[in-house]
Amino acid sequence: MYKGEPSMSLATDTKFDLQIFKHNQSPPTLSLEQQEIVNLKTEKNAVILCHNYQIEPIQKIADYVGDSLGLARQAATTNADIIVFCGVHFMAETAKILNPSKTVLLPDMDAGCSLSDSCPAEQLADYKQKNPNTYIVAYVNCSADVKALSDVICTSGNAVQIVNNVPKDKEILFVPDQNLGQWVIGQTGRKMKLWPGSCYAHVLFTKESIERCRLEHPNAPVVAHPECIESVRDLADEVCSTEKMVNYCKNSPADTFIILTETGMMHRLTRELPNKSFIAGPTGHCACNDCRFMKMNTITKLLDCLKNTSPEISMTQSLIESAQKPIERMLKWS
């Protein structure tokens, strides 16, 4: 189960029409549901934190749109009474851990994560018991129970920095994403054992589909998330977190980019960089790559969530206290 090299499998390649995202020139307008959400948010002193992979209608009315690190920082400093987290379950848990006295809501409690599910806490606890001197670095895409078992948390945006801060005499187990862990090994030179987990959406990108996309757009830089498999990362001009994708594309002289991550990111890129175009990296199965869990949150569910102040994230005080320590260490180190 615990190994130093990720396993990889490539999907069967099929040709699809590429999806190209460009800025919508028409002035933004809000639907009645969106306007009601905005009004309720003010009335209840709520803040809407939104991950980059959420649908565009939610991104448009969120108070903050960003990656896991940015969202964690926002959650740690907000003055709102209610945090509505538009993302997946582990993200809302993180917000609750950082704000135990606040009400934290998730529009759809079933919005989970295949990567988080790949590392059951009881299996990690068993490994830790058998290897008590191992230093556990946990990617934020994991449950609160796994965080509580870890020494420090990281995100894709700060993983290299976090691993570089781990004492040199420690043997590291990196959980749960083997592809991110492998990329971090290459960036830091640190030897790490890798938990055999992966994000089902990011491993759908294939070397063949991206090579074909590059043939159609030879001047477009390829920007890949480190959760992609190694053969795909090797094709990229830049490998980085979603937050750093914005800065890379902003500072690049290119006007068109091939983006290898969940397609919700295209909405933020086109909104913040209106003069540039973005091609959703194709997989072996489709012209884009939606995470079915991220897309479970909808405008209607968000409105109901604010109206009813439910569903609410809850956990025991002891779990919160145990999980706080590695998250706070991450925020200190980054």
C-alpha atoms as a PDB file:
ATOM      1  CA  MET A   1       0.000   0.000   0.000  1.00  0.00           C
ATOM      2  CA  TYR A   2       2.777   2.461   0.856  1.00  0.00           C
ATOM      3  CA  LYS A   3       5.260   3.069  -1.900  1.00  0.00           C
ATOM      4  CA  GLY A   4       7.568   5.627  -3.411  1.00  0.00           C
ATOM      5  CA  GLU A   5       6.252   5.709  -6.968  1.00  0.00           C
ATOM      6  CA  PRO A   6       2.671   6.456  -8.073  1.00  0.00           C
ATOM      7  CA  SER A   7       0.773   4.023 -10.206  1.00  0.00           C
ATOM      8  CA  MET A   8      -0.631   5.385 -13.463  1.00  0.00           C
ATOM      9  CA  SER A   9      -3.217   4.284 -15.981  1.00  0.00           C
ATOM     10  CA  LEU A  10      -4.104   6.057 -19.207  1.00  0.00           C
ATOM     11  CA  ALA A  11      -7.625   6.283 -20.532  1.00  0.00           C
ATOM     12  CA  THR A  12      -8.476   5.359 -24.104  1.00  0.00           C
ATOM     13  CA  ASP A  13      -8.011   8.412 -26.301  1.00  0.00           C
ATOM     14  CA  THR A  14     -10.874   9.768 -28.369  1.00  0.00           C
ATOM     15  CA  LYS A  15     -10.992  12.976 -30.407  1.00  0.00           C
ATOM     16  CA  PHE A  16     -13.297  15.739 -29.151  1.00  0.00           C
ATOM     17  CA  ASP A  17     -13.913  19.353 -30.098  1.00  0.00           C
ATOM     18  CA  LEU A  18     -11.912  21.468 -27.688  1.00  0.00           C
ATOM     19  CA  GLN A  19     -13.695  23.855 -25.335  1.00  0.00           C
ATOM     20  CA  ILE A  20     -12.261  27.356 -25.503  1.00  0.00           C
ATOM     21  CA  PHE A  21     -13.235  29.796 -22.765  1.00  0.00           C
ATOM     22  CA  LYS A  22     -13.228  33.546 -23.438  1.00  0.00           C
ATOM     23  CA  HIS A  23     -14.412  36.541 -21.450  1.00  0.00           C
ATOM     24  CA  ASN A  24     -18.112  37.326 -21.723  1.00  0.00           C
ATOM     25  CA  GLN A  25     -18.319  40.951 -22.816  1.00  0.00           C
ATOM     26  CA  SER A  26     -21.929  41.448 -21.699  1.00  0.00           C
ATOM     27  CA  PRO A  27     -22.413  43.228 -18.337  1.00  0.00           C
ATOM     28  CA  PRO A  28     -22.891  40.852 -15.394  1.00  0.00           C
ATOM     29  CA  THR A  29     -26.485  40.432 -14.242  1.00  0.00           C
ATOM     30  CA  LEU A  30     -27.802  38.506 -11.265  1.00  0.00           C
ATOM     31  CA  SER A  31     -30.745  36.122 -11.292  1.00  0.00           C
ATOM     32  CA  LEU A  32     -33.476  36.491  -8.695  1.00  0.00           C
ATOM     33  CA  GLU A  33     -31.971  33.600  -6.712  1.00  0.00           C
ATOM     34  CA  GLN A  34     -28.511  35.144  -6.831  1.00  0.00           C
ATOM     35  CA  GLN A  35     -29.845  38.510  -5.651  1.00  0.00           C
ATOM     36  CA  GLU A  36     -31.734  36.838  -2.814  1.00  0.00           C
ATOM     37  CA  ILE A  37     -28.514  35.104  -1.759  1.00  0.00           C
ATOM     38  CA  VAL A  38     -26.676  38.436  -1.734  1.00  0.00           C
ATOM     39  CA  ASN A  39     -29.425  39.980   0.417  1.00  0.00           C
ATOM     40  CA  LEU A  40     -29.491  37.062   2.857  1.00  0.00           C
ATOM     41  CA  LYS A  41     -25.742  37.120   3.132  1.00  0.00           C
ATOM     42  CA  THR A  42     -25.855  40.727   4.352  1.00  0.00           C
ATOM     43  CA  GLU A  43     -28.831  40.123   6.610  1.00  0.00           C
ATOM     44  CA  LYS A  44     -27.210  37.161   8.374  1.00  0.00           C
ATOM     45  CA  ASN A  45     -23.636  38.494   8.400  1.00  0.00           C
ATOM     46  CA  ALA A  46     -22.507  35.547   6.318  1.00  0.00           C
ATOM     47  CA  VAL A  47     -19.476  35.162   4.078  1.00  0.00           C
ATOM     48  CA  ILE A  48     -19.414  32.941   1.009  1.00  0.00           C
ATOM     49  CA  LEU A  49     -16.072  31.251   0.416  1.00  0.00           C
ATOM     50  CA  CYS A  50     -15.865  29.609  -2.980  1.00  0.00           C
ATOM     51  CA  HIS A  51     -13.336  27.220  -4.468  1.00  0.00           C
ATOM     52  CA  ASN A  52     -12.025  27.829  -7.983  1.00  0.00           C
ATOM     53  CA  TYR A  53     -13.822  24.704  -9.213  1.00  0.00           C
ATOM     54  CA  GLN A  54     -17.333  25.869  -8.368  1.00  0.00           C
ATOM     55  CA  ILE A  55     -19.877  26.763 -11.055  1.00  0.00           C
ATOM     56  CA  GLU A  56     -19.756  30.289 -12.475  1.00  0.00           C
ATOM     57  CA  PRO A  57     -23.087  31.516 -10.961  1.00  0.00           C
ATOM     58  CA  ILE A  58     -21.717  30.778  -7.476  1.00  0.00           C
ATOM     59  CA  GLN A  59     -18.326  32.322  -8.222  1.00  0.00           C
ATOM     60  CA  LYS A  60     -20.066  35.541  -9.334  1.00  0.00           C
ATOM     61  CA  ILE A  61     -21.631  36.189  -5.914  1.00  0.00           C
ATOM     62  CA  ALA A  62     -18.924  34.791  -3.641  1.00  0.00           C
ATOM     63  CA  ASP A  63     -16.963  37.048  -1.302  1.00  0.00           C
ATOM     64  CA  TYR A  64     -13.764  35.185  -2.051  1.00  0.00           C
ATOM     65  CA  VAL A  65     -12.828  32.760  -4.812  1.00  0.00           C
ATOM     66  CA  GLY A  66      -9.546  30.915  -4.493  1.00  0.00           C
ATOM     67  CA  ASP A  67      -7.548  27.756  -3.895  1.00  0.00           C
ATOM     68  CA  SER A  68      -7.372  25.720  -0.697  1.00  0.00           C
ATOM     69  CA  LEU A  69      -4.592  27.818   0.861  1.00  0.00           C
ATOM     70  CA  GLY A  70      -6.309  31.123   0.130  1.00  0.00           C
ATOM     71  CA  LEU A  71      -9.617  29.789   1.420  1.00  0.00           C
ATOM     72  CA  ALA A  72      -7.977  28.527   4.622  1.00  0.00           C
ATOM     73  CA  ARG A  73      -6.469  31.962   5.209  1.00  0.00           C
ATOM     74  CA  GLN A  74      -9.809  33.657   4.601  1.00  0.00           C
ATOM     75  CA  ALA A  75     -11.558  31.242   6.941  1.00  0.00           C
ATOM     76  CA  ALA A  76      -8.974  31.934   9.641  1.00  0.00           C
ATOM     77  CA  THR A  77      -9.513  35.709   9.557  1.00  0.00           C
ATOM     78  CA  THR A  78     -13.186  36.254   8.747  1.00  0.00           C
ATOM     79  CA  ASN A  79     -15.410  38.342  11.053  1.00  0.00           C
ATOM     80  CA  ALA A  80     -18.618  36.830   9.695  1.00  0.00           C
ATOM     81  CA  ASP A  81     -20.973  34.914  11.974  1.00  0.00           C
ATOM     82  CA  ILE A  82     -21.724  32.348   9.289  1.00  0.00           C
ATOM     83  CA  ILE A  83     -19.290  30.801   6.798  1.00  0.00           C
ATOM     84  CA  VAL A  84     -20.924  29.269   3.740  1.00  0.00           C
ATOM     85  CA  PHE A  85     -18.319  27.084   2.071  1.00  0.00           C
ATOM     86  CA  CYS A  86     -18.940  26.389  -1.585  1.00  0.00           C
ATOM     87  CA  GLY A  87     -16.577  23.529  -2.199  1.00  0.00           C
ATOM     88  CA  VAL A  88     -16.402  19.978  -0.907  1.00  0.00           C
ATOM     89  CA  HIS A  89     -16.767  18.465   2.539  1.00  0.00           C
ATOM     90  CA  PHE A  90     -13.127  18.466   3.675  1.00  0.00           C
ATOM     91  CA  MET A  91     -12.861  22.177   2.840  1.00  0.00           C
ATOM     92  CA  ALA A  92     -15.860  23.060   4.988  1.00  0.00           C
ATOM     93  CA  GLU A  93     -14.387  20.924   7.775  1.00  0.00           C
ATOM     94  CA  THR A  94     -11.167  22.947   7.543  1.00  0.00           C
ATOM     95  CA  ALA A  95     -13.142  26.171   7.922  1.00  0.00           C
ATOM     96  CA  LYS A  96     -14.876  24.767  11.014  1.00  0.00           C
ATOM     97  CA  ILE A  97     -11.567  23.652  12.517  1.00  0.00           C
ATOM     98  CA  LEU A  98     -10.247  27.191  12.131  1.00  0.00           C
ATOM     99  CA  ASN A  99     -13.504  28.740  13.417  1.00  0.00           C
ATOM    100  CA  PRO A 100     -14.979  26.361  16.018  1.00  0.00           C
ATOM    101  CA  SER A 101     -17.314  29.015  17.429  1.00  0.00           C
ATOM    102  CA  LYS A 102     -18.801  29.984  14.048  1.00  0.00           C
ATOM    103  CA  THR A 103     -21.550  28.352  12.038  1.00  0.00           C
ATOM    104  CA  VAL A 104     -20.093  26.672   8.942  1.00  0.00           C
ATOM    105  CA  LEU A 105     -22.479  25.579   6.194  1.00  0.00           C
ATOM    106  CA  LEU A 106     -22.010  23.393   3.109  1.00  0.00           C
ATOM    107  CA  PRO A 107     -24.758  23.660   0.457  1.00  0.00           C
ATOM    108  CA  ASP A 108     -24.632  19.922  -0.282  1.00  0.00           C
ATOM    109  CA  MET A 109     -23.363  17.659   2.496  1.00  0.00           C
ATOM    110  CA  ASP A 110     -22.798  14.874  -0.052  1.00  0.00           C
ATOM    111  CA  ALA A 111     -20.166  16.934  -1.908  1.00  0.00           C
ATOM    112  CA  GLY A 112     -17.260  14.675  -1.056  1.00  0.00           C
ATOM    113  CA  CYS A 113     -13.863  13.985  -2.612  1.00  0.00           C
ATOM    114  CA  SER A 114     -12.440  10.816  -4.133  1.00  0.00           C
ATOM    115  CA  LEU A 115      -8.938  11.852  -3.084  1.00  0.00           C
ATOM    116  CA  SER A 116      -9.962  12.382   0.525  1.00  0.00           C
ATOM    117  CA  ASP A 117     -11.786   9.034   0.524  1.00  0.00           C
ATOM    118  CA  SER A 118      -8.628   7.263  -0.682  1.00  0.00           C
ATOM    119  CA  CYS A 119      -7.013   7.740   2.735  1.00  0.00           C
ATOM    120  CA  PRO A 120      -9.252   6.305   5.487  1.00  0.00           C
ATOM    121  CA  ALA A 121      -8.227   7.569   8.920  1.00  0.00           C
ATOM    122  CA  GLU A 122      -8.178   4.082  10.437  1.00  0.00           C
ATOM    123  CA  GLN A 123      -5.623   2.921   7.849  1.00  0.00           C
ATOM    124  CA  LEU A 124      -3.412   5.934   8.490  1.00  0.00           C
ATOM    125  CA  ALA A 125      -3.698   5.397  12.242  1.00  0.00           C
ATOM    126  CA  ASP A 126      -2.571   1.788  11.775  1.00  0.00           C
ATOM    127  CA  TYR A 127       0.421   2.908   9.694  1.00  0.00           C
ATOM    128  CA  LYS A 128       1.318   5.549  12.262  1.00  0.00           C
ATOM    129  CA  GLN A 129       1.193   3.014  15.096  1.00  0.00           C
ATOM    130  CA  LYS A 130       3.545   0.699  13.212  1.00  0.00           C
ATOM    131  CA  ASN A 131       5.855   3.576  12.191  1.00  0.00           C
ATOM    132  CA  PRO A 132       5.784   6.000  15.155  1.00  0.00           C
ATOM    133  CA  ASN A 133       8.786   8.051  14.012  1.00  0.00           C
ATOM    134  CA  THR A 134       7.337   8.912  10.600  1.00  0.00           C
ATOM    135  CA  TYR A 135       6.525  12.571   9.977  1.00  0.00           C
ATOM    136  CA  ILE A 136       3.147  12.812   8.244  1.00  0.00           C
ATOM    137  CA  VAL A 137       2.609  15.581   5.716  1.00  0.00           C
ATOM    138  CA  ALA A 138      -1.042  15.646   4.692  1.00  0.00           C
ATOM    139  CA  TYR A 139      -2.355  17.387   1.620  1.00  0.00           C
ATOM    140  CA  VAL A 140      -5.362  19.474   2.669  1.00  0.00           C
ATOM    141  CA  ASN A 141      -7.585  17.236   0.518  1.00  0.00           C
ATOM    142  CA  CYS A 142      -8.218  14.855   3.407  1.00  0.00           C
ATOM    143  CA  SER A 143     -10.727  14.393   6.207  1.00  0.00           C
ATOM    144  CA  ALA A 144     -10.554  16.097   9.592  1.00  0.00           C
ATOM    145  CA  ASP A 145      -9.701  12.724  11.135  1.00  0.00           C
ATOM    146  CA  VAL A 146      -6.675  12.384   8.846  1.00  0.00           C
ATOM    147  CA  LYS A 147      -5.617  15.952   9.594  1.00  0.00           C
ATOM    148  CA  ALA A 148      -5.736  15.142  13.302  1.00  0.00           C
ATOM    149  CA  LEU A 149      -3.282  12.283  12.726  1.00  0.00           C
ATOM    150  CA  SER A 150      -0.863  14.448  10.746  1.00  0.00           C
ATOM    151  CA  ASP A 151       2.099  16.590  11.731  1.00  0.00           C
ATOM    152  CA  VAL A 152       1.542  19.344   9.172  1.00  0.00           C
ATOM    153  CA  ILE A 153      -0.924  20.129   6.391  1.00  0.00           C
ATOM    154  CA  CYS A 154      -0.044  21.474   2.953  1.00  0.00           C
ATOM    155  CA  THR A 155      -1.826  22.646  -0.185  1.00  0.00           C
ATOM    156  CA  SER A 156      -0.698  22.345  -3.788  1.00  0.00           C
ATOM    157  CA  GLY A 157       0.350  25.985  -3.551  1.00  0.00           C
ATOM    158  CA  ASN A 158       2.695  25.570  -0.577  1.00  0.00           C
ATOM    159  CA  ALA A 159       3.572  21.838  -0.574  1.00  0.00           C
ATOM    160  CA  VAL A 160       7.187  22.422  -1.638  1.00  0.00           C
ATOM    161  CA  GLN A 161       7.654  25.086   1.032  1.00  0.00           C
ATOM    162  CA  ILE A 162       6.084  22.909   3.731  1.00  0.00           C
ATOM    163  CA  VAL A 163       8.183  19.832   2.902  1.00  0.00           C
ATOM    164  CA  ASN A 164      11.329  21.968   2.884  1.00  0.00           C
ATOM    165  CA  ASN A 165      10.480  22.979   6.467  1.00  0.00           C
ATOM    166  CA  VAL A 166      10.234  19.402   7.753  1.00  0.00           C
ATOM    167  CA  PRO A 167      13.307  18.532   9.860  1.00  0.00           C
ATOM    168  CA  LYS A 168      15.903  16.804   7.691  1.00  0.00           C
ATOM    169  CA  ASP A 169      16.221  13.827  10.018  1.00  0.00           C
ATOM    170  CA  LYS A 170      12.555  12.886   9.676  1.00  0.00           C
ATOM    171  CA  GLU A 171      11.217  10.167   7.404  1.00  0.00           C
ATOM    172  CA  ILE A 172       8.177  11.587   5.622  1.00  0.00           C
ATOM    173  CA  LEU A 173       4.929   9.928   4.620  1.00  0.00           C
ATOM    174  CA  PHE A 174       3.000  12.135   2.182  1.00  0.00           C
ATOM    175  CA  VAL A 175      -0.772  11.571   2.097  1.00  0.00           C
ATOM    176  CA  PRO A 176      -3.032  11.165   0.250  1.00  0.00           C
ATOM    177  CA  ASP A 177      -2.102  12.318  -3.296  1.00  0.00           C
ATOM    178  CA  GLN A 178       0.721  10.278  -4.819  1.00  0.00           C
ATOM    179  CA  ASN A 179       1.020  12.496  -7.906  1.00  0.00           C
ATOM    180  CA  LEU A 180       1.408  15.731  -5.958  1.00  0.00           C
ATOM    181  CA  GLY A 181       3.818  13.921  -3.638  1.00  0.00           C
ATOM    182  CA  GLN A 182       5.906  12.677  -6.539  1.00  0.00           C
ATOM    183  CA  TRP A 183       6.077  16.197  -7.976  1.00  0.00           C
ATOM    184  CA  VAL A 184       7.161  17.572  -4.572  1.00  0.00           C
ATOM    185  CA  ILE A 185       9.934  14.962  -4.395  1.00  0.00           C
ATOM    186  CA  GLY A 186      11.226  16.257  -7.724  1.00  0.00           C
ATOM    187  CA  GLN A 187      11.076  19.862  -6.538  1.00  0.00           C
ATOM    188  CA  THR A 188      12.652  19.357  -3.113  1.00  0.00           C
ATOM    189  CA  GLY A 189      14.896  16.310  -3.448  1.00  0.00           C
ATOM    190  CA  ARG A 190      13.390  14.952  -0.217  1.00  0.00           C
ATOM    191  CA  LYS A 191      12.739  11.244  -0.062  1.00  0.00           C
ATOM    192  CA  MET A 192       9.143  10.532   0.894  1.00  0.00           C
ATOM    193  CA  LYS A 193       6.854   7.554   1.065  1.00  0.00           C
ATOM    194  CA  LEU A 194       3.672   8.180  -0.896  1.00  0.00           C
ATOM    195  CA  TRP A 195       0.161   7.117  -0.019  1.00  0.00           C
ATOM    196  CA  PRO A 196      -1.433   5.580  -3.144  1.00  0.00           C
ATOM    197  CA  GLY A 197      -4.279   8.079  -3.554  1.00  0.00           C
ATOM    198  CA  SER A 198      -5.231  10.304  -6.463  1.00  0.00           C
ATOM    199  CA  CYS A 199      -7.872  12.741  -7.683  1.00  0.00           C
ATOM    200  CA  TYR A 200     -10.098  10.907 -10.142  1.00  0.00           C
ATOM    201  CA  ALA A 201     -10.582  14.061 -12.236  1.00  0.00           C
ATOM    202  CA  HIS A 202      -6.926  15.032 -12.619  1.00  0.00           C
ATOM    203  CA  VAL A 203      -5.702  11.560 -13.573  1.00  0.00           C
ATOM    204  CA  LEU A 204      -8.100  11.540 -16.545  1.00  0.00           C
ATOM    205  CA  PHE A 205      -5.775  13.827 -18.501  1.00  0.00           C
ATOM    206  CA  THR A 206      -3.617  11.706 -20.811  1.00  0.00           C
ATOM    207  CA  LYS A 207      -0.306  12.264 -22.549  1.00  0.00           C
ATOM    208  CA  GLU A 208      -1.932  11.480 -25.910  1.00  0.00           C
ATOM    209  CA  SER A 209      -4.866  13.869 -25.535  1.00  0.00           C
ATOM    210  CA  ILE A 210      -2.619  16.752 -24.471  1.00  0.00           C
ATOM    211  CA  GLU A 211      -0.130  16.112 -27.268  1.00  0.00           C
ATOM    212  CA  ARG A 212      -2.967  16.286 -29.777  1.00  0.00           C
ATOM    213  CA  CYS A 213      -4.247  19.493 -28.173  1.00  0.00           C
ATOM    214  CA  ARG A 214      -0.770  21.029 -28.488  1.00  0.00           C
ATOM    215  CA  LEU A 215      -0.686  20.157 -32.187  1.00  0.00           C
ATOM    216  CA  GLU A 216      -3.878  22.170 -32.672  1.00  0.00           C
ATOM    217  CA  HIS A 217      -2.577  25.083 -30.566  1.00  0.00           C
ATOM    218  CA  PRO A 218       1.237  24.969 -30.819  1.00  0.00           C
ATOM    219  CA  ASN A 219       1.753  28.451 -29.361  1.00  0.00           C
ATOM    220  CA  ALA A 220      -0.401  27.921 -26.284  1.00  0.00           C
ATOM    221  CA  PRO A 221       1.543  27.138 -23.096  1.00  0.00           C
ATOM    222  CA  VAL A 222       0.327  24.107 -21.166  1.00  0.00           C
ATOM    223  CA  VAL A 223      -0.370  24.824 -17.487  1.00  0.00           C
ATOM    224  CA  ALA A 224      -0.943  21.724 -15.349  1.00  0.00           C
ATOM    225  CA  HIS A 225      -1.995  21.058 -11.781  1.00  0.00           C
ATOM    226  CA  PRO A 226       0.487  18.856  -9.879  1.00  0.00           C
ATOM    227  CA  GLU A 227      -2.267  16.302  -9.209  1.00  0.00           C
ATOM    228  CA  CYS A 228      -1.898  15.268 -12.869  1.00  0.00           C
ATOM    229  CA  ILE A 229       0.125  12.129 -13.636  1.00  0.00           C
ATOM    230  CA  GLU A 230       3.843  12.459 -14.349  1.00  0.00           C
ATOM    231  CA  SER A 231       3.651  11.897 -18.121  1.00  0.00           C
ATOM    232  CA  VAL A 232       1.187  14.790 -18.358  1.00  0.00           C
ATOM    233  CA  ARG A 233       3.167  17.052 -16.019  1.00  0.00           C
ATOM    234  CA  ASP A 234       6.248  16.440 -18.166  1.00  0.00           C
ATOM    235  CA  LEU A 235       4.431  17.993 -21.139  1.00  0.00           C
ATOM    236  CA  ALA A 236       3.557  21.161 -19.248  1.00  0.00           C
ATOM    237  CA  ASP A 237       5.276  24.533 -19.530  1.00  0.00           C
ATOM    238  CA  GLU A 238       4.234  25.248 -15.952  1.00  0.00           C
ATOM    239  CA  VAL A 239       3.090  22.993 -13.093  1.00  0.00           C
ATOM    240  CA  CYS A 240       1.402  24.897 -10.290  1.00  0.00           C
ATOM    241  CA  SER A 241      -1.594  25.356  -8.022  1.00  0.00           C
ATOM    242  CA  THR A 242      -4.759  26.964  -9.333  1.00  0.00           C
ATOM    243  CA  GLU A 243      -3.886  30.251  -7.616  1.00  0.00           C
ATOM    244  CA  LYS A 244      -0.500  30.367  -9.277  1.00  0.00           C
ATOM    245  CA  MET A 245      -2.129  29.603 -12.638  1.00  0.00           C
ATOM    246  CA  VAL A 246      -3.691  33.059 -12.537  1.00  0.00           C
ATOM    247  CA  ASN A 247      -0.346  34.775 -12.007  1.00  0.00           C
ATOM    248  CA  TYR A 248       1.445  32.644 -14.580  1.00  0.00           C
ATOM    249  CA  CYS A 249      -1.118  33.391 -17.286  1.00  0.00           C
ATOM    250  CA  LYS A 250      -1.212  37.055 -16.317  1.00  0.00           C
ATOM    251  CA  ASN A 251       2.542  37.486 -16.629  1.00  0.00           C
ATOM    252  CA  SER A 252       2.985  35.350 -19.751  1.00  0.00           C
ATOM    253  CA  PRO A 253       3.095  37.125 -23.138  1.00  0.00           C
ATOM    254  CA  ALA A 254       0.917  34.356 -24.611  1.00  0.00           C
ATOM    255  CA  ASP A 255      -2.749  35.082 -25.278  1.00  0.00           C
ATOM    256  CA  THR A 256      -4.037  31.487 -25.256  1.00  0.00           C
ATOM    257  CA  PHE A 257      -3.361  28.735 -22.694  1.00  0.00           C
ATOM    258  CA  ILE A 258      -4.137  25.027 -22.337  1.00  0.00           C
ATOM    259  CA  ILE A 259      -5.261  24.520 -18.745  1.00  0.00           C
ATOM    260  CA  LEU A 260      -5.041  21.067 -17.131  1.00  0.00           C
ATOM    261  CA  THR A 261      -7.300  21.173 -14.114  1.00  0.00           C
ATOM    262  CA  GLU A 262     -11.017  21.133 -13.291  1.00  0.00           C
ATOM    263  CA  THR A 263     -12.981  23.334 -15.702  1.00  0.00           C
ATOM    264  CA  GLY A 264     -14.436  25.597 -13.016  1.00  0.00           C
ATOM    265  CA  MET A 265     -11.035  27.290 -13.035  1.00  0.00           C
ATOM    266  CA  MET A 266     -11.773  28.652 -16.515  1.00  0.00           C
ATOM    267  CA  HIS A 267     -14.441  30.984 -15.131  1.00  0.00           C
ATOM    268  CA  ARG A 268     -12.017  32.689 -12.797  1.00  0.00           C
ATOM    269  CA  LEU A 269      -9.280  32.889 -15.426  1.00  0.00           C
ATOM    270  CA  THR A 270     -11.566  34.515 -18.013  1.00  0.00           C
ATOM    271  CA  ARG A 271     -12.987  36.888 -15.389  1.00  0.00           C
ATOM    272  CA  GLU A 272      -9.600  38.106 -14.138  1.00  0.00           C
ATOM    273  CA  LEU A 273      -7.779  37.940 -17.483  1.00  0.00           C
ATOM    274  CA  PRO A 274     -10.440  39.108 -19.969  1.00  0.00           C
ATOM    275  CA  ASN A 275      -8.002  39.683 -22.830  1.00  0.00           C
ATOM    276  CA  LYS A 276      -6.812  36.060 -22.888  1.00  0.00           C
ATOM    277  CA  SER A 277      -8.343  32.739 -23.955  1.00  0.00           C
ATOM    278  CA  PHE A 278      -8.216  29.380 -22.182  1.00  0.00           C
ATOM    279  CA  ILE A 279      -8.575  25.878 -23.568  1.00  0.00           C
ATOM    280  CA  ALA A 280      -9.886  23.229 -21.215  1.00  0.00           C
ATOM    281  CA  GLY A 281      -7.435  20.359 -21.399  1.00  0.00           C
ATOM    282  CA  PRO A 282      -9.171  17.333 -22.945  1.00  0.00           C
ATOM    283  CA  THR A 283      -9.144  13.910 -21.315  1.00  0.00           C
ATOM    284  CA  GLY A 284      -9.337  10.525 -22.944  1.00  0.00           C
ATOM    285  CA  HIS A 285     -13.114  10.700 -22.563  1.00  0.00           C
ATOM    286  CA  CYS A 286     -14.267  14.286 -23.056  1.00  0.00           C
ATOM    287  CA  ALA A 287     -13.302  17.803 -24.122  1.00  0.00           C
ATOM    288  CA  CYS A 288     -13.199  19.096 -20.556  1.00  0.00           C
ATOM    289  CA  ASN A 289     -12.937  17.804 -17.021  1.00  0.00           C
ATOM    290  CA  ASP A 290     -15.665  18.472 -14.451  1.00  0.00           C
ATOM    291  CA  CYS A 291     -15.471  17.147 -10.891  1.00  0.00           C
ATOM    292  CA  ARG A 292     -18.862  15.630 -10.120  1.00  0.00           C
ATOM    293  CA  PHE A 293     -18.438  16.457  -6.426  1.00  0.00           C
ATOM    294  CA  MET A 294     -17.595  20.137  -6.949  1.00  0.00           C
ATOM    295  CA  LYS A 295     -20.594  20.478  -9.258  1.00  0.00           C
ATOM    296  CA  MET A 296     -23.027  19.177  -6.606  1.00  0.00           C
ATOM    297  CA  ASN A 297     -23.314  22.683  -5.153  1.00  0.00           C
ATOM    298  CA  THR A 298     -25.900  24.764  -7.041  1.00  0.00           C
ATOM    299  CA  ILE A 299     -27.431  28.220  -6.712  1.00  0.00           C
ATOM    300  CA  THR A 300     -30.688  26.714  -5.439  1.00  0.00           C
ATOM    301  CA  LYS A 301     -28.871  24.649  -2.803  1.00  0.00           C
ATOM    302  CA  LEU A 302     -26.844  27.703  -1.772  1.00  0.00           C
ATOM    303  CA  LEU A 303     -30.027  29.754  -1.366  1.00  0.00           C
ATOM    304  CA  ASP A 304     -31.719  27.030   0.682  1.00  0.00           C
ATOM    305  CA  CYS A 305     -28.580  26.686   2.774  1.00  0.00           C
ATOM    306  CA  LEU A 306     -28.656  30.375   3.729  1.00  0.00           C
ATOM    307  CA  LYS A 307     -32.418  30.407   4.290  1.00  0.00           C
ATOM    308  CA  ASN A 308     -32.376  27.399   6.610  1.00  0.00           C
ATOM    309  CA  THR A 309     -28.881  27.831   8.099  1.00  0.00           C
ATOM    310  CA  SER A 310     -28.358  24.196   7.164  1.00  0.00           C
ATOM    311  CA  PRO A 311     -26.716  21.759   6.502  1.00  0.00           C
ATOM    312  CA  GLU A 312     -24.136  22.616   9.138  1.00  0.00           C
ATOM    313  CA  ILE A 313     -20.687  21.133   9.678  1.00  0.00           C
ATOM    314  CA  SER A 314     -20.213  19.761  13.174  1.00  0.00           C
ATOM    315  CA  MET A 315     -17.436  17.838  14.899  1.00  0.00           C
ATOM    316  CA  THR A 316     -16.239  17.146  18.411  1.00  0.00           C
ATOM    317  CA  GLN A 317     -14.096  19.643  20.271  1.00  0.00           C
ATOM    318  CA  SER A 318     -11.334  17.065  20.708  1.00  0.00           C
ATOM    319  CA  LEU A 319     -11.187  16.450  16.947  1.00  0.00           C
ATOM    320  CA  ILE A 320     -11.117  20.188  16.265  1.00  0.00           C
ATOM    321  CA  GLU A 321      -8.242  20.708  18.707  1.00  0.00           C
ATOM    322  CA  SER A 322      -6.233  17.811  17.263  1.00  0.00           C
ATOM    323  CA  ALA A 323      -6.745  18.942  13.668  1.00  0.00           C
ATOM    324  CA  GLN A 324      -6.014  22.601  14.444  1.00  0.00           C
ATOM    325  CA  LYS A 325      -2.351  21.996  15.262  1.00  0.00           C
ATOM    326  CA  PRO A 326      -1.125  20.788  11.838  1.00  0.00           C
ATOM    327  CA  ILE A 327      -3.230  23.417  10.030  1.00  0.00           C
ATOM    328  CA  GLU A 328      -1.854  26.203  12.197  1.00  0.00           C
ATOM    329  CA  ARG A 329       1.665  24.865  11.581  1.00  0.00           C
ATOM    330  CA  MET A 330       0.989  25.097   7.842  1.00  0.00           C
ATOM    331  CA  LEU A 331      -0.229  28.688   8.100  1.00  0.00           C
ATOM    332  CA  LYS A 332       2.829  29.585  10.189  1.00  0.00           C
ATOM    333  CA  TRP A 333       5.279  27.923   7.785  1.00  0.00           C
ATOM    334  CA  SER A 334       3.651  29.406   4.675  1.00  0.00           C
END
